[in-house]
């Protein structure tokens, strides 16, 4: 059985800080496919730190995404100093749904590091090994992360998965097997969900496509 990976297979959530003034940050985001950021409670949150305030969910500065556009800019009013700040993008209603981050050093967007949750796949006749990387400090199992396989063309926000599995480890990097008998000539999509524990499909962090040769 031969497998064909999409030439640009990974679609993922991204965030970056594009403007920083003494009173304001402007954060630019882009999300996956059929996401509806306002409907699904997406938000950005910033802490004066270099890692997300996973244990301080009410700290920092937070702004809800005000539209269902999959990309846009969000202003955050805050008293910016010449210190380090991290901004996280959440694909749900909790900091545990944060799947992309941007860190600026010394309050300067030119000194910026960006991170997006990523997956890659190793398909076989009856399984797909999904390898994932999440933000620093993320605990995928504790935060209810999971992965699922769909027919390509199905919407991962609404279509029933062909198969799914929870992420069982709390290391930010790891792998999860998905068991399914692949069919020749079919295309598939793997989605990584940052939260929802296998029940809520609104928290798509990233997707990866592949096909089985006829």
Protein backbone atom coordinates (compact mmCIF):
# COMPACT_ATOMS: atom_id res chain seq x y z
CA UNK A 1 0.00 0.00 0.00
CA UNK A 2 1.45 3.35 -1.10
CA UNK A 3 0.73 6.61 0.69
CA UNK A 4 0.89 10.13 -0.72
CA UNK A 5 1.41 13.08 1.62
CA UNK A 6 -0.11 16.39 0.61
CA UNK A 7 2.68 18.69 -0.70
CA UNK A 8 1.70 21.24 1.94
CA UNK A 9 -0.05 18.94 4.39
CA UNK A 10 -0.04 20.89 7.64
CA UNK A 11 -2.62 23.56 8.40
CA UNK A 12 -2.16 25.06 11.85
CA UNK A 13 -3.13 27.90 14.18
CA UNK A 14 -0.63 30.76 14.37
CA UNK A 15 -0.25 33.95 16.37
CA UNK A 16 2.23 36.83 16.22
CA UNK A 17 2.63 40.26 17.78
CA UNK A 18 2.75 42.88 15.02
CA UNK A 19 2.63 46.16 16.99
CA UNK A 20 3.85 47.05 20.48
CA UNK A 21 3.49 50.52 22.00
CA UNK A 22 3.67 51.61 25.67
CA UNK A 23 -0.11 51.18 25.92
CA UNK A 24 -1.03 48.56 23.30
CA UNK A 25 -0.23 45.25 21.64
CA UNK A 26 -1.76 44.25 18.33
CA UNK A 27 -1.87 40.50 17.89
CA UNK A 28 -2.36 38.85 14.49
CA UNK A 29 -3.84 35.36 14.30
CA UNK A 30 -4.72 32.77 11.68
CA UNK A 31 -6.64 29.58 12.37
CA UNK A 32 -7.67 26.39 10.65
CA UNK A 33 -10.20 25.91 7.87
CA UNK A 34 -13.77 26.06 9.06
CA UNK A 35 -13.02 27.50 12.51
CA UNK A 36 -15.49 30.13 13.75
CA UNK A 37 -13.39 31.94 16.38
CA UNK A 38 -16.14 34.04 17.94
CA UNK A 39 -18.69 31.22 17.94
CA UNK A 40 -16.24 28.77 19.48
CA UNK A 41 -15.00 31.17 22.16
CA UNK A 42 -11.46 31.70 20.85
CA UNK A 43 -9.34 34.34 22.59
CA UNK A 44 -5.82 35.70 22.97
CA UNK A 45 -4.16 36.21 26.33
CA UNK A 46 -0.83 37.78 27.24
CA UNK A 47 1.35 37.40 30.32
CA UNK A 48 4.54 39.18 31.33
CA UNK A 49 6.60 36.00 31.04
CA UNK A 50 8.16 33.70 28.44
CA UNK A 51 5.74 30.80 28.96
CA UNK A 52 1.94 30.65 29.04
CA UNK A 53 0.38 31.17 32.46
CA UNK A 54 -1.20 27.72 32.50
CA UNK A 55 -1.55 27.90 36.30
CA UNK A 56 -2.59 31.56 36.23
CA UNK A 57 -5.60 31.59 33.88
CA UNK A 58 -7.02 34.85 35.24
CA UNK A 59 -3.69 36.70 35.04
CA UNK A 60 -2.36 38.93 32.31
CA UNK A 61 -4.47 40.58 29.64
CA UNK A 62 -7.17 38.81 27.65
CA UNK A 63 -9.29 39.66 24.61
CA UNK A 64 -11.98 37.55 22.94
CA UNK A 65 -11.94 37.14 19.17
CA UNK A 66 -14.80 39.35 18.04
CA UNK A 67 -15.55 37.81 14.63
CA UNK A 68 -15.75 34.42 12.93
CA UNK A 69 -13.04 35.30 10.40
CA UNK A 70 -10.26 32.71 10.46
CA UNK A 71 -7.61 35.44 10.47
CA UNK A 72 -7.40 38.95 11.83
CA UNK A 73 -5.87 41.40 14.30
CA UNK A 74 -6.76 41.82 17.97
CA UNK A 75 -5.81 44.85 20.14
CA UNK A 76 -4.75 44.31 23.74
CA UNK A 77 -4.50 47.36 26.01
CA UNK A 78 -1.73 46.93 28.56
CA UNK A 79 1.09 48.96 30.16
CA UNK A 80 3.97 47.55 28.11
CA UNK A 81 7.44 47.61 29.65
CA UNK A 82 10.84 46.63 28.29
CA UNK A 83 10.32 43.07 29.49
CA UNK A 84 9.41 39.68 28.05
CA UNK A 85 5.79 38.91 27.13
CA UNK A 86 4.09 35.78 25.85
CA UNK A 87 0.81 35.81 23.95
CA UNK A 88 -1.22 32.63 23.52
CA UNK A 89 -4.06 31.85 21.13
CA UNK A 90 -6.81 29.63 22.53
CA UNK A 91 -9.14 27.62 20.28
CA UNK A 92 -11.66 27.25 23.11
CA UNK A 93 -12.82 28.85 26.33
CA UNK A 94 -9.83 27.94 28.51
CA UNK A 95 -6.10 28.61 28.68
CA UNK A 96 -5.78 24.82 28.37
CA UNK A 97 -6.93 25.27 24.76
CA UNK A 98 -3.95 27.49 23.89
CA UNK A 99 -2.17 25.94 20.92
CA UNK A 100 -0.03 28.77 19.51
CA UNK A 101 2.24 31.32 21.16
CA UNK A 102 4.39 34.34 20.40
CA UNK A 103 7.09 35.63 22.76
CA UNK A 104 8.65 39.07 22.48
CA UNK A 105 11.80 39.93 24.38
CA UNK A 106 12.33 43.33 25.97
CA UNK A 107 8.90 44.46 24.72
CA UNK A 108 10.22 44.44 21.14
CA UNK A 109 8.27 42.59 18.38
CA UNK A 110 11.48 42.46 16.32
CA UNK A 111 12.84 40.08 18.98
CA UNK A 112 10.09 37.52 18.64
CA UNK A 113 9.74 33.76 18.79
CA UNK A 114 6.60 32.08 17.47
CA UNK A 115 5.35 28.56 18.06
CA UNK A 116 2.46 26.63 16.49
CA UNK A 117 1.19 23.19 17.47
CA UNK A 118 2.29 20.75 14.77
CA UNK A 119 1.62 17.18 13.76
CA UNK A 120 3.14 14.79 11.25
CA UNK A 121 1.86 11.35 10.28
CA UNK A 122 3.26 7.93 9.44
CA UNK A 123 0.41 6.02 7.76
CA UNK A 124 0.30 2.23 7.29
CA UNK A 125 -2.34 -0.20 6.09
CA UNK A 126 -4.25 -0.29 9.37
CA UNK A 127 -2.82 2.49 11.50
CA UNK A 128 -1.62 6.09 11.46
CA UNK A 129 1.06 7.17 13.89
CA UNK A 130 0.48 10.84 14.74
CA UNK A 131 3.51 12.71 16.07
CA UNK A 132 2.76 16.01 17.79
CA UNK A 133 4.52 19.00 19.31
CA UNK A 134 2.66 21.44 21.58
CA UNK A 135 3.67 24.70 23.34
CA UNK A 136 6.16 24.83 26.20
CA UNK A 137 4.51 23.78 29.46
CA UNK A 138 1.46 22.21 27.79
CA UNK A 139 0.12 18.99 29.38
CA UNK A 140 -1.84 17.37 26.56
CA UNK A 141 -3.44 14.53 28.53
CA UNK A 142 -4.39 16.68 31.53
CA UNK A 143 -5.80 19.32 29.17
CA UNK A 144 -8.02 16.82 27.28
CA UNK A 145 -6.18 16.85 23.95
CA UNK A 146 -7.03 14.20 21.33
CA UNK A 147 -6.50 13.24 17.70
CA UNK A 148 -8.92 11.91 15.10
CA UNK A 149 -9.03 10.60 11.54
CA UNK A 150 -11.60 11.85 9.01
CA UNK A 151 -12.40 11.32 5.36
CA UNK A 152 -10.67 14.17 3.55
CA UNK A 153 -13.41 16.58 2.58
CA UNK A 154 -15.16 16.04 5.87
CA UNK A 155 -15.24 19.01 8.22
CA UNK A 156 -13.33 18.11 11.43
CA UNK A 157 -15.53 20.54 13.34
CA UNK A 158 -18.74 18.67 12.51
CA UNK A 159 -18.11 15.34 10.72
CA UNK A 160 -18.05 12.12 12.76
CA UNK A 161 -14.48 10.81 13.09
CA UNK A 162 -13.58 7.51 11.46
CA UNK A 163 -11.54 6.80 14.59
CA UNK A 164 -10.11 8.82 17.47
CA UNK A 165 -7.75 8.53 20.41
CA UNK A 166 -6.93 10.65 23.46
CA UNK A 167 -3.41 11.95 23.94
CA UNK A 168 -2.28 9.91 26.93
CA UNK A 169 0.99 11.64 27.85
CA UNK A 170 1.70 15.00 29.46
CA UNK A 171 4.98 15.64 27.66
CA UNK A 172 4.66 18.47 25.14
CA UNK A 173 6.09 16.20 22.42
CA UNK A 174 4.86 12.69 21.73
CA UNK A 175 2.93 10.34 19.46
CA UNK A 176 -0.49 8.68 19.32
CA UNK A 177 -1.60 5.74 17.14
CA UNK A 178 -4.92 5.80 15.30
CA UNK A 179 -6.22 2.39 14.22
CA UNK A 180 -8.20 2.19 10.98
CA UNK A 181 -8.10 0.01 7.85
CA UNK A 182 -7.15 2.37 5.02
CA UNK A 183 -8.84 2.06 1.63
CA UNK A 184 -6.99 2.37 -1.68
CA UNK A 185 -7.80 5.53 -3.61
CA UNK A 186 -9.11 7.40 -0.56
CA UNK A 187 -7.86 10.61 1.01
CA UNK A 188 -7.80 11.26 4.75
CA UNK A 189 -7.37 14.10 7.20
CA UNK A 190 -5.88 13.88 10.70
CA UNK A 191 -6.88 16.58 13.20
CA UNK A 192 -5.26 17.47 16.52
CA UNK A 193 -7.72 18.92 19.05
CA UNK A 194 -6.44 21.14 21.88
CA UNK A 195 -9.12 20.17 24.37
CA UNK A 196 -12.55 18.62 24.35
CA UNK A 197 -11.45 15.14 25.50
CA UNK A 198 -12.86 13.39 22.43
CA UNK A 199 -16.31 14.93 22.75
CA UNK A 200 -16.01 18.60 21.67
CA UNK A 201 -14.77 19.07 18.08
CA UNK A 202 -14.52 22.88 18.17
CA UNK A 203 -10.89 23.02 19.35
CA UNK A 204 -9.02 22.09 16.16
CA UNK A 205 -5.39 23.18 16.55
CA UNK A 206 -4.01 21.74 13.30
CA UNK A 207 -4.69 19.22 10.52
CA UNK A 208 -2.65 17.02 8.20
CA UNK A 209 -3.76 15.41 4.91
CA UNK A 210 -2.63 12.26 3.14
CA UNK A 211 -3.93 9.88 0.49
CA UNK A 212 -3.73 6.18 -0.32
CA UNK A 213 -2.72 5.41 -3.89
CA UNK A 214 -5.28 3.51 -6.04
